[in-house]
């Protein structure tokens, strides 16, 4: 007797998967577009414009002024916004120095370690070891092409702030719901703006820069954040985490297509190891990293 055919995925589930993949592709496309603007305003300047425009777009969509802010609820939002701003600043500084796919893989270790630390299963330690092995492949003493040490440090720092963003974002979301995203983005813009102004100065106001910077804000902030908010309300947290583990690979593809950053076999193997480890820890720990 033939085995029954598996039931097809429900339209809502299929749509959710499509939206999450679109969100990740949008973020990495926005990163590639941002990379092209670094020569005009520097990574910090582009980060500032992204966060400022992103704040405006999210404010129009989410109306954060309706949130009830008190002395007790403001501190979580402040920490969330600082984490968001520093995460984006470090990532763009890393992306200016090392390939996009490698930067995403290094950044992904932050939520991966956070998820593993939140689990009591010994198996999750194996995923951390797998990710560490992948990162070891990126080091010169493993025979890999040399990477800018400062770029690597910024990418790892972005991962640490991503982990902080997850922890503080959960608390802020419990207090303010979706409006926490807009509030946090506003705090992030204020926190990063001084660095962007020092780095770029009057170049931030170049007419030719503002339109593409708005495009970066749409692709890397407004569109993916909105899609992720929709998906997280529909999708099992483990499925969400497994799908999110595709982001290092999507980053590598975006770097190749848009920035012509071809990676060697060893770098691709390292990204594959981080991706596999992220998928594994999402399944066994049941914790899903949330993108910034």
Protein backbone atom coordinates (compact mmCIF):
# COMPACT_ATOMS: atom_id res chain seq x y z
CA UNK A 1 0.00 0.00 0.00
CA UNK A 2 1.42 3.35 -1.03
CA UNK A 3 2.22 5.82 1.71
CA UNK A 4 -0.12 8.78 1.82
CA UNK A 5 1.15 11.97 0.26
CA UNK A 6 2.15 14.67 2.73
CA UNK A 7 -0.44 17.36 3.18
CA UNK A 8 0.43 20.55 1.34
CA UNK A 9 1.39 23.57 3.39
CA UNK A 10 -1.49 25.86 4.16
CA UNK A 11 -1.63 29.06 2.15
CA UNK A 12 -1.05 31.12 5.29
CA UNK A 13 2.06 29.12 6.16
CA UNK A 14 3.37 29.29 2.61
CA UNK A 15 2.73 33.03 2.57
CA UNK A 16 4.51 33.44 5.90
CA UNK A 17 7.57 31.58 4.62
CA UNK A 18 7.57 33.74 1.50
CA UNK A 19 7.29 36.94 3.52
CA UNK A 20 10.16 35.95 5.82
CA UNK A 21 12.43 35.08 2.90
CA UNK A 22 11.43 38.37 1.26
CA UNK A 23 12.28 40.20 4.48
CA UNK A 24 15.77 38.66 4.60
CA UNK A 25 16.35 39.36 0.91
CA UNK A 26 15.18 42.94 1.46
CA UNK A 27 17.60 43.45 4.36
CA UNK A 28 20.58 42.12 2.42
CA UNK A 29 19.64 44.09 -0.71
CA UNK A 30 19.44 47.18 1.47
CA UNK A 31 22.88 46.37 2.87
CA UNK A 32 24.28 46.10 -0.66
CA UNK A 33 22.72 49.45 -1.58
CA UNK A 34 24.12 51.00 1.59
CA UNK A 35 27.58 49.72 0.71
CA UNK A 36 27.49 51.77 -2.47
CA UNK A 37 26.88 54.93 -0.43
CA UNK A 38 29.85 54.53 1.92
CA UNK A 39 32.10 56.51 -0.41
CA UNK A 40 29.71 59.48 -0.09
CA UNK A 41 29.02 59.59 3.64
CA UNK A 42 30.92 56.76 5.30
CA UNK A 43 29.38 53.79 7.13
CA UNK A 44 28.35 55.85 10.16
CA UNK A 45 26.79 58.53 7.99
CA UNK A 46 24.79 55.98 6.00
CA UNK A 47 23.72 54.28 9.24
CA UNK A 48 22.49 57.63 10.53
CA UNK A 49 20.44 58.33 7.42
CA UNK A 50 18.99 54.82 7.45
CA UNK A 51 17.88 55.15 11.06
CA UNK A 52 16.51 58.67 10.66
CA UNK A 53 14.49 57.78 7.56
CA UNK A 54 13.52 54.46 9.13
CA UNK A 55 12.22 56.29 12.20
CA UNK A 56 10.04 58.51 10.04
CA UNK A 57 8.65 55.58 8.04
CA UNK A 58 7.95 53.49 11.14
CA UNK A 59 6.39 56.46 12.90
CA UNK A 60 3.96 56.95 10.02
CA UNK A 61 3.08 53.25 10.07
CA UNK A 62 2.96 52.54 13.82
CA UNK A 63 2.08 55.89 15.46
CA UNK A 64 4.47 55.49 18.42
CA UNK A 65 3.18 58.69 20.06
CA UNK A 66 0.18 56.64 21.17
CA UNK A 67 2.38 54.44 23.37
CA UNK A 68 2.08 55.07 27.10
CA UNK A 69 5.59 55.96 28.22
CA UNK A 70 6.37 56.09 31.92
CA UNK A 71 9.58 56.24 33.92
CA UNK A 72 9.40 52.46 34.38
CA UNK A 73 8.77 51.63 30.72
CA UNK A 74 11.22 54.11 29.17
CA UNK A 75 14.40 52.35 30.35
CA UNK A 76 13.74 49.11 28.38
CA UNK A 77 13.01 51.17 25.27
CA UNK A 78 16.22 53.15 25.77
CA UNK A 79 18.32 49.98 26.09
CA UNK A 80 16.53 48.45 23.10
CA UNK A 81 17.18 51.51 20.96
CA UNK A 82 20.84 51.73 21.95
CA UNK A 83 21.31 48.05 21.09
CA UNK A 84 19.59 48.56 17.74
CA UNK A 85 21.68 51.61 16.87
CA UNK A 86 25.03 50.09 17.85
CA UNK A 87 24.17 46.84 16.09
CA UNK A 88 23.54 48.67 12.81
CA UNK A 89 26.55 50.96 13.20
CA UNK A 90 28.94 48.06 13.88
CA UNK A 91 27.51 46.02 11.02
CA UNK A 92 27.92 48.79 8.46
CA UNK A 93 31.46 49.50 9.70
CA UNK A 94 32.20 45.78 9.28
CA UNK A 95 30.61 45.66 5.84
CA UNK A 96 32.87 48.50 4.70
CA UNK A 97 35.91 46.32 5.46
CA UNK A 98 35.00 42.66 4.86
CA UNK A 99 32.67 40.82 2.41
CA UNK A 100 28.96 41.05 3.13
CA UNK A 101 28.43 37.28 3.48
CA UNK A 102 31.30 36.95 5.94
CA UNK A 103 30.06 39.94 7.96
CA UNK A 104 26.57 38.41 8.24
CA UNK A 105 28.01 35.05 9.31
CA UNK A 106 30.15 36.66 12.01
CA UNK A 107 27.23 38.79 13.21
CA UNK A 108 24.97 35.75 13.39
CA UNK A 109 27.07 34.23 16.15
CA UNK A 110 25.52 36.68 18.63
CA UNK A 111 21.93 35.35 18.54
CA UNK A 112 23.26 31.82 18.03
CA UNK A 113 25.21 31.89 21.31
CA UNK A 114 22.29 33.59 23.04
CA UNK A 115 19.95 30.81 21.92
CA UNK A 116 22.39 28.12 23.03
CA UNK A 117 22.87 29.77 26.42
CA UNK A 118 19.12 29.80 26.90
CA UNK A 119 18.96 26.04 26.48
CA UNK A 120 19.84 23.28 28.94
CA UNK A 121 20.47 20.69 26.24
CA UNK A 122 24.01 19.44 25.82
CA UNK A 123 23.37 19.07 22.09
CA UNK A 124 23.27 22.84 21.73
CA UNK A 125 26.94 23.01 22.71
CA UNK A 126 27.70 21.01 19.58
CA UNK A 127 26.05 23.72 17.47
CA UNK A 128 28.27 26.33 19.10
CA UNK A 129 31.31 24.16 18.37
CA UNK A 130 30.18 23.82 14.73
CA UNK A 131 29.80 27.60 14.43
CA UNK A 132 33.19 28.12 16.07
CA UNK A 133 34.71 25.68 13.60
CA UNK A 134 33.16 27.63 10.76
CA UNK A 135 34.57 30.88 12.08
CA UNK A 136 37.98 29.24 12.51
CA UNK A 137 37.96 28.60 8.76
CA UNK A 138 37.91 32.37 8.25
CA UNK A 139 41.18 32.91 10.11
CA UNK A 140 44.53 33.30 8.32
CA UNK A 141 46.14 30.52 10.38
CA UNK A 142 43.54 28.15 8.90
CA UNK A 143 44.79 29.07 5.44
CA UNK A 144 42.02 31.57 4.66
CA UNK A 145 42.59 34.86 2.89
CA UNK A 146 43.35 37.58 5.41
CA UNK A 147 40.37 39.63 6.58
CA UNK A 148 40.58 43.15 7.94
CA UNK A 149 40.89 42.63 11.74
CA UNK A 150 38.90 45.78 12.48
CA UNK A 151 36.13 44.60 10.17
CA UNK A 152 36.02 41.25 11.95
CA UNK A 153 35.89 43.03 15.33
CA UNK A 154 33.02 45.23 14.18
CA UNK A 155 31.09 42.18 12.87
CA UNK A 156 31.52 40.31 16.16
CA UNK A 157 30.49 43.48 18.01
CA UNK A 158 27.39 43.69 15.84
CA UNK A 159 26.58 40.13 16.87
CA UNK A 160 26.91 40.99 20.55
CA UNK A 161 24.60 43.97 20.14
CA UNK A 162 22.19 41.79 18.14
CA UNK A 163 21.95 39.47 21.14
CA UNK A 164 21.31 42.49 23.39
CA UNK A 165 18.72 43.73 20.89
CA UNK A 166 16.83 40.44 21.16
CA UNK A 167 16.75 40.49 24.96
CA UNK A 168 15.80 44.16 25.27
CA UNK A 169 13.41 43.97 22.31
CA UNK A 170 11.39 41.21 23.94
CA UNK A 171 10.96 43.32 27.07
CA UNK A 172 10.07 46.45 25.07
CA UNK A 173 7.63 44.50 22.91
CA UNK A 174 5.87 43.17 26.00
CA UNK A 175 5.38 46.76 27.18
CA UNK A 176 4.54 48.56 23.95
CA UNK A 177 3.78 45.96 21.30
CA UNK A 178 4.72 46.79 17.71
CA UNK A 179 5.17 50.47 18.61
CA UNK A 180 8.35 49.49 20.47
CA UNK A 181 10.04 49.10 17.07
CA UNK A 182 9.36 52.72 16.14
CA UNK A 183 10.35 53.97 19.59
CA UNK A 184 13.56 51.97 19.54
CA UNK A 185 14.45 53.16 16.05
CA UNK A 186 14.05 56.77 17.19
CA UNK A 187 16.40 56.18 20.13
CA UNK A 188 18.86 54.45 17.80
CA UNK A 189 18.83 57.39 15.38
CA UNK A 190 19.55 59.88 18.18
CA UNK A 191 22.35 57.67 19.56
CA UNK A 192 24.11 57.13 16.23
CA UNK A 193 23.59 60.59 14.73
CA UNK A 194 26.56 62.24 16.51
CA UNK A 195 28.92 59.57 15.13
CA UNK A 196 27.48 59.97 11.65
CA UNK A 197 27.74 63.76 11.79
CA UNK A 198 31.38 63.60 12.91
CA UNK A 199 32.23 61.12 10.15
CA UNK A 200 30.26 62.67 7.27
CA UNK A 201 29.53 66.26 8.28
CA UNK A 202 27.72 68.28 5.63
CA UNK A 203 27.97 65.35 3.21
CA UNK A 204 24.89 63.92 4.93
CA UNK A 205 22.83 66.61 3.18
CA UNK A 206 24.00 65.88 -0.37
CA UNK A 207 20.89 65.89 -2.60
CA UNK A 208 22.15 62.84 -4.49
CA UNK A 209 22.48 60.88 -1.26
CA UNK A 210 19.05 61.38 0.28
CA UNK A 211 16.98 59.40 -2.25
CA UNK A 212 19.14 56.24 -2.15
CA UNK A 213 19.39 56.54 1.65
CA UNK A 214 15.60 56.52 1.76
CA UNK A 215 15.75 53.37 -0.35
CA UNK A 216 18.11 51.80 2.21
CA UNK A 217 15.66 52.68 5.00
CA UNK A 218 12.81 51.08 3.07
CA UNK A 219 14.71 47.92 2.16
CA UNK A 220 16.63 47.43 5.39
CA UNK A 221 14.19 48.78 7.99
CA UNK A 222 10.57 49.53 7.09
CA UNK A 223 9.82 46.60 4.76
CA UNK A 224 11.57 43.76 6.65
CA UNK A 225 10.45 44.94 10.10
CA UNK A 226 6.85 45.08 8.92
CA UNK A 227 7.02 41.66 7.28
CA UNK A 228 8.69 40.10 10.33
CA UNK A 229 6.03 41.51 12.65
CA UNK A 230 3.36 39.86 10.50
CA UNK A 231 5.23 36.55 10.27
CA UNK A 232 6.08 36.26 13.97
CA UNK A 233 2.39 36.33 14.78
CA UNK A 234 1.72 33.36 12.46
CA UNK A 235 4.77 31.12 12.55
CA UNK A 236 6.11 28.62 15.07
CA UNK A 237 9.19 30.06 16.76
CA UNK A 238 11.37 27.11 15.75
CA UNK A 239 10.37 27.35 12.09
CA UNK A 240 11.08 31.07 12.26
CA UNK A 241 14.55 30.39 13.68
CA UNK A 242 15.41 27.75 11.09
CA UNK A 243 14.40 30.03 8.22
CA UNK A 244 16.31 32.95 9.71
CA UNK A 245 19.43 30.79 9.63
CA UNK A 246 19.41 31.22 5.85
CA UNK A 247 20.43 34.87 6.23
CA UNK A 248 24.24 34.33 6.06
CA UNK A 249 23.75 32.48 2.76
CA UNK A 250 21.44 35.21 1.46
CA UNK A 251 24.04 37.78 2.47
CA UNK A 252 26.70 35.90 0.50
CA UNK A 253 24.45 35.78 -2.58
CA UNK A 254 23.65 39.50 -2.26
CA UNK A 255 27.35 40.30 -1.97
CA UNK A 256 28.04 38.32 -5.14
CA UNK A 257 25.14 39.71 -7.18
CA UNK A 258 25.26 43.35 -6.14
CA UNK A 259 28.83 43.94 -4.96
CA UNK A 260 30.70 41.30 -7.03
CA UNK A 261 32.20 39.86 -3.85
CA UNK A 262 33.12 36.34 -4.87
CA UNK A 263 33.93 34.11 -1.88
CA UNK A 264 36.43 31.26 -1.88
CA UNK A 265 35.49 27.65 -1.09
CA UNK A 266 36.79 27.97 2.47
CA UNK A 267 34.72 31.09 3.14
CA UNK A 268 31.63 29.42 1.68
CA UNK A 269 32.22 26.39 3.90
CA UNK A 270 32.50 28.67 6.93
CA UNK A 271 29.19 30.36 6.08
CA UNK A 272 27.56 26.95 5.56
CA UNK A 273 28.78 25.84 9.00
CA UNK A 274 27.33 28.94 10.70
CA UNK A 275 24.07 28.48 8.80
CA UNK A 276 23.81 24.84 9.83
CA UNK A 277 24.63 25.67 13.44
CA UNK A 278 22.02 28.42 13.51
CA UNK A 279 19.38 26.09 12.11
CA UNK A 280 20.33 23.40 14.58
CA UNK A 281 20.20 25.63 17.63
CA UNK A 282 16.85 27.03 16.48
CA UNK A 283 15.42 23.52 16.43
CA UNK A 284 16.92 22.18 19.63
CA UNK A 285 16.85 25.32 21.76
CA UNK A 286 13.60 26.64 20.35
CA UNK A 287 14.83 30.20 20.37
CA UNK A 288 14.56 32.31 17.22
CA UNK A 289 16.96 35.16 16.48
CA UNK A 290 15.17 38.36 15.52
CA UNK A 291 16.75 40.52 12.68
CA UNK A 292 17.75 44.18 13.04
